[in-house]
């Protein structure tokens, strides 16, 4: 099935290249457009050949418009009905393409000049943000958080650890939590009046990783009146990122899997240890 699909795709690419070569001198072509690379609302899609010509496509474009912009007039028949977010997802899946490497490099340069926690007007990855619960409505905000990469040194004065030499390691220690949960924690502490809904990766370089955090204002009437999201307004969801209740938190707690060996992680590893170490005897009366 994959071989047949690849052959059809190759025929489609060859047909597009031939039509490009037969283009009349006065006919409009696919010139490279000028646009703001740092604006996340403008996305570009590479042609699926070595012919390096690109066009700008808005994420709000329909599948037919996107297919025409790509220069693939048979793309809609080949791929079926595809929305704009499908194209955005495919673009982010190919992070090593020339287009994405250039975009990410320029954006990362901009991120380094800004504070570690900064609010952004709109999500850089609208498809990913919407899958995680983001809505372009009042009460939803996006913050980008910068987290330093690498391991975690042991916080001891002057590197002196008392005890056995086996336990005197300072470096080469790994933090038990993931970087995304650390970013959520820092955003939650900085913005105590908001609730952390979810987060996703956007960029990284040799020193930092960048995440965008989706936060919700529980006091906003648009949130409190929405039955699909007003669950987060309850008091039990205060600082859910500090208690490992977000998606990133459940991941480092080991709650993603189920079945054999995963029962030791529920409800938590400490609770399981306490249950196994406690001897409960029924009193004879």
Protein backbone atom coordinates (compact mmCIF):
# COMPACT_ATOMS: atom_id res chain seq x y z
CA UNK A 1 0.00 0.00 0.00
CA UNK A 2 2.81 2.38 0.89
CA UNK A 3 4.66 1.50 -2.32
CA UNK A 4 1.59 2.28 -4.42
CA UNK A 5 1.11 5.58 -2.58
CA UNK A 6 4.75 6.55 -3.11
CA UNK A 7 4.55 5.76 -6.82
CA UNK A 8 1.41 7.90 -7.18
CA UNK A 9 3.15 10.68 -5.29
CA UNK A 10 6.19 10.49 -7.59
CA UNK A 11 3.90 10.68 -10.64
CA UNK A 12 2.20 13.70 -9.09
CA UNK A 13 5.54 15.43 -8.49
CA UNK A 14 6.75 14.71 -12.02
CA UNK A 15 3.51 16.08 -13.44
CA UNK A 16 3.86 19.28 -11.40
CA UNK A 17 7.47 19.80 -12.53
CA UNK A 18 6.53 19.29 -16.17
CA UNK A 19 3.73 21.82 -15.90
CA UNK A 20 6.16 24.28 -14.31
CA UNK A 21 8.60 23.86 -17.20
CA UNK A 22 5.83 24.35 -19.80
CA UNK A 23 4.74 27.63 -18.18
CA UNK A 24 4.40 30.48 -20.66
CA UNK A 25 6.65 33.56 -20.23
CA UNK A 26 3.71 35.85 -19.42
CA UNK A 27 2.01 33.42 -17.08
CA UNK A 28 2.06 34.02 -13.36
CA UNK A 29 4.42 31.69 -11.49
CA UNK A 30 5.14 30.74 -7.93
CA UNK A 31 7.48 33.54 -6.99
CA UNK A 32 8.87 33.63 -3.49
CA UNK A 33 6.74 35.90 -1.31
CA UNK A 34 7.96 38.37 1.24
CA UNK A 35 6.53 37.87 4.71
CA UNK A 36 7.42 38.09 8.35
CA UNK A 37 9.13 34.82 9.29
CA UNK A 38 8.75 35.49 12.99
CA UNK A 39 4.96 35.82 12.74
CA UNK A 40 3.51 32.43 13.67
CA UNK A 41 0.28 33.12 11.77
CA UNK A 42 2.16 32.94 8.47
CA UNK A 43 3.35 29.48 7.58
CA UNK A 44 5.18 28.29 4.49
CA UNK A 45 5.00 24.91 2.87
CA UNK A 46 7.89 23.49 0.83
CA UNK A 47 7.27 21.94 -2.56
CA UNK A 48 7.72 18.21 -2.29
CA UNK A 49 10.62 18.23 -4.76
CA UNK A 50 14.13 19.60 -4.96
CA UNK A 51 12.71 22.65 -6.76
CA UNK A 52 13.18 25.15 -3.91
CA UNK A 53 10.31 27.60 -4.42
CA UNK A 54 8.02 28.36 -1.49
CA UNK A 55 4.76 30.12 -0.97
CA UNK A 56 3.09 31.56 2.11
CA UNK A 57 -0.16 30.01 3.34
CA UNK A 58 -2.33 31.19 6.21
CA UNK A 59 -3.42 28.52 8.70
CA UNK A 60 -7.01 29.58 8.02
CA UNK A 61 -6.80 28.58 4.35
CA UNK A 62 -9.01 25.78 3.14
CA UNK A 63 -7.65 22.56 1.72
CA UNK A 64 -8.38 23.57 -1.86
CA UNK A 65 -6.62 26.93 -1.50
CA UNK A 66 -3.66 25.30 0.21
CA UNK A 67 -3.39 22.69 -2.53
CA UNK A 68 -3.42 25.37 -5.24
CA UNK A 69 -0.82 27.40 -3.37
CA UNK A 70 1.40 24.36 -3.19
CA UNK A 71 1.10 24.03 -6.95
CA UNK A 72 -0.46 20.56 -6.62
CA UNK A 73 -3.76 20.76 -8.46
CA UNK A 74 -4.29 17.04 -8.03
CA UNK A 75 -3.26 17.08 -4.37
CA UNK A 76 -6.81 17.26 -3.07
CA UNK A 77 -7.83 14.21 -5.09
CA UNK A 78 -4.69 12.37 -4.02
CA UNK A 79 -4.76 13.13 -0.29
CA UNK A 80 -8.53 13.45 0.09
CA UNK A 81 -10.16 16.23 2.09
CA UNK A 82 -7.39 17.87 4.13
CA UNK A 83 -7.86 20.91 6.30
CA UNK A 84 -5.28 23.60 6.88
CA UNK A 85 -4.19 22.11 10.21
CA UNK A 86 -3.23 18.86 8.48
CA UNK A 87 -0.70 20.81 6.42
CA UNK A 88 0.56 22.60 9.52
CA UNK A 89 1.02 19.28 11.31
CA UNK A 90 2.95 17.81 8.39
CA UNK A 91 5.18 20.87 8.33
CA UNK A 92 6.08 20.46 12.03
CA UNK A 93 6.65 16.73 11.63
CA UNK A 94 9.49 17.43 9.17
CA UNK A 95 11.66 19.51 11.51
CA UNK A 96 14.86 18.73 9.59
CA UNK A 97 13.62 20.17 6.31
CA UNK A 98 15.39 23.24 4.98
CA UNK A 99 12.36 25.43 5.60
CA UNK A 100 11.82 24.39 9.21
CA UNK A 101 15.52 24.55 10.07
CA UNK A 102 15.72 28.09 8.76
CA UNK A 103 12.50 29.16 10.49
CA UNK A 104 13.46 27.61 13.80
CA UNK A 105 16.92 29.13 13.69
CA UNK A 106 15.59 32.65 13.10
CA UNK A 107 12.85 32.29 15.69
CA UNK A 108 15.27 30.91 18.25
CA UNK A 109 17.49 33.95 17.78
CA UNK A 110 14.50 36.15 18.60
CA UNK A 111 13.58 34.03 21.64
CA UNK A 112 17.06 34.47 23.10
CA UNK A 113 16.68 38.25 23.11
CA UNK A 114 13.44 38.11 25.13
CA UNK A 115 12.84 37.35 28.82
CA UNK A 116 12.60 33.78 30.04
CA UNK A 117 8.83 34.08 30.55
CA UNK A 118 7.01 36.20 27.97
CA UNK A 119 3.45 36.37 26.76
CA UNK A 120 2.77 35.73 23.07
CA UNK A 121 -0.24 37.04 21.19
CA UNK A 122 -1.08 33.74 19.50
CA UNK A 123 0.26 30.18 19.55
CA UNK A 124 3.23 29.38 17.34
CA UNK A 125 1.73 25.96 16.65
CA UNK A 126 -2.04 26.55 16.31
CA UNK A 127 -2.77 22.94 15.41
CA UNK A 128 -0.96 21.59 18.47
CA UNK A 129 -2.47 24.20 20.78
CA UNK A 130 -6.01 23.41 19.65
CA UNK A 131 -5.43 19.68 20.13
CA UNK A 132 -4.41 20.43 23.71
CA UNK A 133 -7.52 22.48 24.47
CA UNK A 134 -6.68 26.03 23.36
CA UNK A 135 -9.46 28.23 22.02
CA UNK A 136 -9.07 31.66 20.45
CA UNK A 137 -11.45 33.28 22.91
CA UNK A 138 -11.32 35.46 25.97
CA UNK A 139 -9.77 33.88 29.03
CA UNK A 140 -7.13 31.85 27.17
CA UNK A 141 -3.55 33.16 27.17
CA UNK A 142 -0.25 31.77 25.87
CA UNK A 143 3.13 32.24 27.55
CA UNK A 144 6.48 31.08 26.25
CA UNK A 145 8.90 29.78 28.88
CA UNK A 146 12.62 29.17 28.51
CA UNK A 147 14.23 26.28 30.42
CA UNK A 148 17.93 25.58 30.55
CA UNK A 149 18.97 22.24 29.11
CA UNK A 150 21.17 19.65 30.75
CA UNK A 151 21.28 17.74 33.99
CA UNK A 152 20.86 18.96 37.54
CA UNK A 153 23.81 19.56 39.85
CA UNK A 154 23.49 18.59 43.46
CA UNK A 155 22.84 21.81 45.45
CA UNK A 156 25.58 21.48 48.07
CA UNK A 157 27.93 24.28 49.26
CA UNK A 158 31.33 24.19 47.54
CA UNK A 159 30.64 20.71 46.23
CA UNK A 160 31.15 19.11 49.64
CA UNK A 161 28.96 16.08 50.29
CA UNK A 162 29.40 14.29 53.60
CA UNK A 163 29.09 10.56 53.76
CA UNK A 164 30.24 7.69 51.66
CA UNK A 165 32.23 8.37 48.48
CA UNK A 166 29.58 6.43 46.58
CA UNK A 167 27.05 9.16 47.35
CA UNK A 168 29.32 12.15 46.75
CA UNK A 169 28.39 12.77 43.13
CA UNK A 170 27.82 16.40 42.16
CA UNK A 171 27.40 16.39 38.39
CA UNK A 172 26.09 13.75 36.00
CA UNK A 173 22.85 13.68 38.02
CA UNK A 174 19.54 13.60 36.16
CA UNK A 175 16.43 15.39 37.31
CA UNK A 176 13.47 13.05 37.70
CA UNK A 177 11.03 15.48 36.09
CA UNK A 178 10.95 16.49 32.45
CA UNK A 179 11.72 19.97 31.17
CA UNK A 180 8.15 20.62 30.09
CA UNK A 181 6.87 20.15 33.63
CA UNK A 182 9.55 22.56 34.87
CA UNK A 183 8.37 25.15 32.35
CA UNK A 184 4.77 24.69 33.49
CA UNK A 185 5.81 25.10 37.12
CA UNK A 186 7.66 28.35 36.45
CA UNK A 187 4.75 29.76 34.51
CA UNK A 188 2.32 28.73 37.26
CA UNK A 189 4.41 30.38 39.97
CA UNK A 190 4.83 33.54 37.93
CA UNK A 191 1.13 33.78 37.08
CA UNK A 192 -0.57 32.62 40.24
CA UNK A 193 -4.03 33.82 39.25
CA UNK A 194 -4.14 31.64 36.12
CA UNK A 195 -4.58 27.89 35.74
CA UNK A 196 -2.20 25.82 33.63
CA UNK A 197 -4.10 23.74 31.09
CA UNK A 198 -1.32 22.19 29.00
CA UNK A 199 1.92 22.93 27.16
CA UNK A 200 3.93 21.93 24.10
CA UNK A 201 7.45 22.20 22.69
CA UNK A 202 8.22 24.97 20.21
CA UNK A 203 11.99 25.30 19.88
CA UNK A 204 15.39 24.55 21.35
CA UNK A 205 19.05 25.36 20.88
CA UNK A 206 22.27 24.18 22.50
CA UNK A 207 21.48 25.93 25.79
CA UNK A 208 17.71 26.27 26.20
CA UNK A 209 14.43 24.59 25.43
CA UNK A 210 11.35 26.69 24.74
CA UNK A 211 7.79 25.70 25.59
CA UNK A 212 4.49 27.46 25.17
CA UNK A 213 2.11 27.16 28.12
CA UNK A 214 -1.68 27.38 27.74
CA UNK A 215 -3.14 29.20 30.74
CA UNK A 216 -6.74 29.99 31.61
CA UNK A 217 -8.21 32.80 33.67
CA UNK A 218 -10.71 31.11 36.06
CA UNK A 219 -12.33 34.43 36.97
CA UNK A 220 -13.28 35.38 33.41
CA UNK A 221 -16.98 35.16 32.64
CA UNK A 222 -16.30 33.62 29.22
CA UNK A 223 -14.56 30.73 30.98
CA UNK A 224 -17.01 30.34 33.84
CA UNK A 225 -19.97 30.23 31.45
CA UNK A 226 -18.42 27.65 29.12
CA UNK A 227 -19.51 24.16 30.24
CA UNK A 228 -16.62 22.52 28.39
CA UNK A 229 -13.86 24.35 30.27
CA UNK A 230 -15.38 25.69 33.50
CA UNK A 231 -14.25 22.55 35.33
CA UNK A 232 -10.87 24.24 35.75
CA UNK A 233 -12.47 27.02 37.81
CA UNK A 234 -12.94 24.70 40.79
CA UNK A 235 -10.62 25.15 43.73
CA UNK A 236 -9.18 21.64 43.47
CA UNK A 237 -7.43 22.65 40.24
CA UNK A 238 -5.34 25.40 41.81
CA UNK A 239 -1.71 24.95 40.81
CA UNK A 240 -2.35 21.60 39.19
CA UNK A 241 1.06 21.91 37.53
CA UNK A 242 2.77 21.82 40.96
CA UNK A 243 1.06 18.54 41.87
CA UNK A 244 1.75 16.61 38.70
CA UNK A 245 -1.81 16.77 37.38
CA UNK A 246 -1.06 18.11 33.90
CA UNK A 247 -0.13 15.92 30.96
CA UNK A 248 3.60 16.50 31.50
CA UNK A 249 3.18 15.79 35.21
CA UNK A 250 1.40 12.49 34.63
CA UNK A 251 4.16 11.48 32.26
CA UNK A 252 7.02 11.83 34.75
CA UNK A 253 4.86 10.17 37.42
CA UNK A 254 4.65 7.08 35.22
CA UNK A 255 0.88 7.24 34.70
CA UNK A 256 0.88 7.04 30.90
CA UNK A 257 0.99 3.24 30.67
CA UNK A 258 -1.29 0.54 31.98
CA UNK A 259 -1.08 -3.17 32.54
CA UNK A 260 1.84 -5.24 33.80
CA UNK A 261 4.18 -3.37 36.18
CA UNK A 262 2.24 -0.13 35.81
CA UNK A 263 0.01 -0.89 38.77
CA UNK A 264 2.97 0.04 40.97
CA UNK A 265 2.69 3.66 39.82
CA UNK A 266 -0.93 4.14 40.87
CA UNK A 267 -2.12 6.14 42.65
CA UNK A 268 1.51 7.12 43.20
CA UNK A 269 4.78 5.34 43.81
CA UNK A 270 4.92 6.52 47.41
CA UNK A 271 1.38 5.37 48.09
CA UNK A 272 2.18 1.98 46.57
CA UNK A 273 5.33 1.68 48.69
CA UNK A 274 3.42 2.61 51.83
CA UNK A 275 0.69 0.11 51.05
CA UNK A 276 3.19 -2.68 50.50
CA UNK A 277 5.19 -1.86 53.63
CA UNK A 278 2.20 -1.59 55.95
CA UNK A 279 1.05 -4.68 57.80
CA UNK A 280 -2.64 -4.52 58.61
CA UNK A 281 -4.07 -7.19 60.92
CA UNK A 282 -7.72 -7.56 61.82
CA UNK A 283 -8.26 -7.45 65.54
CA UNK A 284 -9.97 -10.48 67.00
CA UNK A 285 -12.96 -9.50 69.12
